[in-house]
Amino acid sequence: EAALAPLDGAPPTARGDAEVLDGDELRVDVSNLPLTTGYYEVWLLNPDEPGKMQSLGSLTGASGVTLPIPPGTDLNRYRLVDVSAEAHDGNSAHSGDSLLRGTLTR
């Protein structure tokens, strides 16, 4: 599980929770994210290797979503859950606009 806390650029009341389900899905619930003209993306980040990240999928207008974790993903390495604001620009890379982040614990 991970408690997701707001980063710079997110309202101080923004919050979230993430929970690994059966080792192959991640349930993410968020609240009080700022309005965006794009969408919110959920990522797993490796804090030991900056730039190493995996997109799990997007929050599609809801406050919560369950997303598949790609097979073979090492959650001991990819232990940071990140929610970012993304633009509809056709670029699949992380925007650099992270709003919430937390560390998965066991």
Foldseek 3Di string as FASTA:
>chain_A
DKKKAWDPPFPRPKTKDWDDDPNWKIKIFIDRGDDDPAFKWKKFAFPVDPPDIDTFGTDDPHRMDMTTDDPPDDCVRRFKIWIAGDHPPPDPGGPPGTTIITGDDD
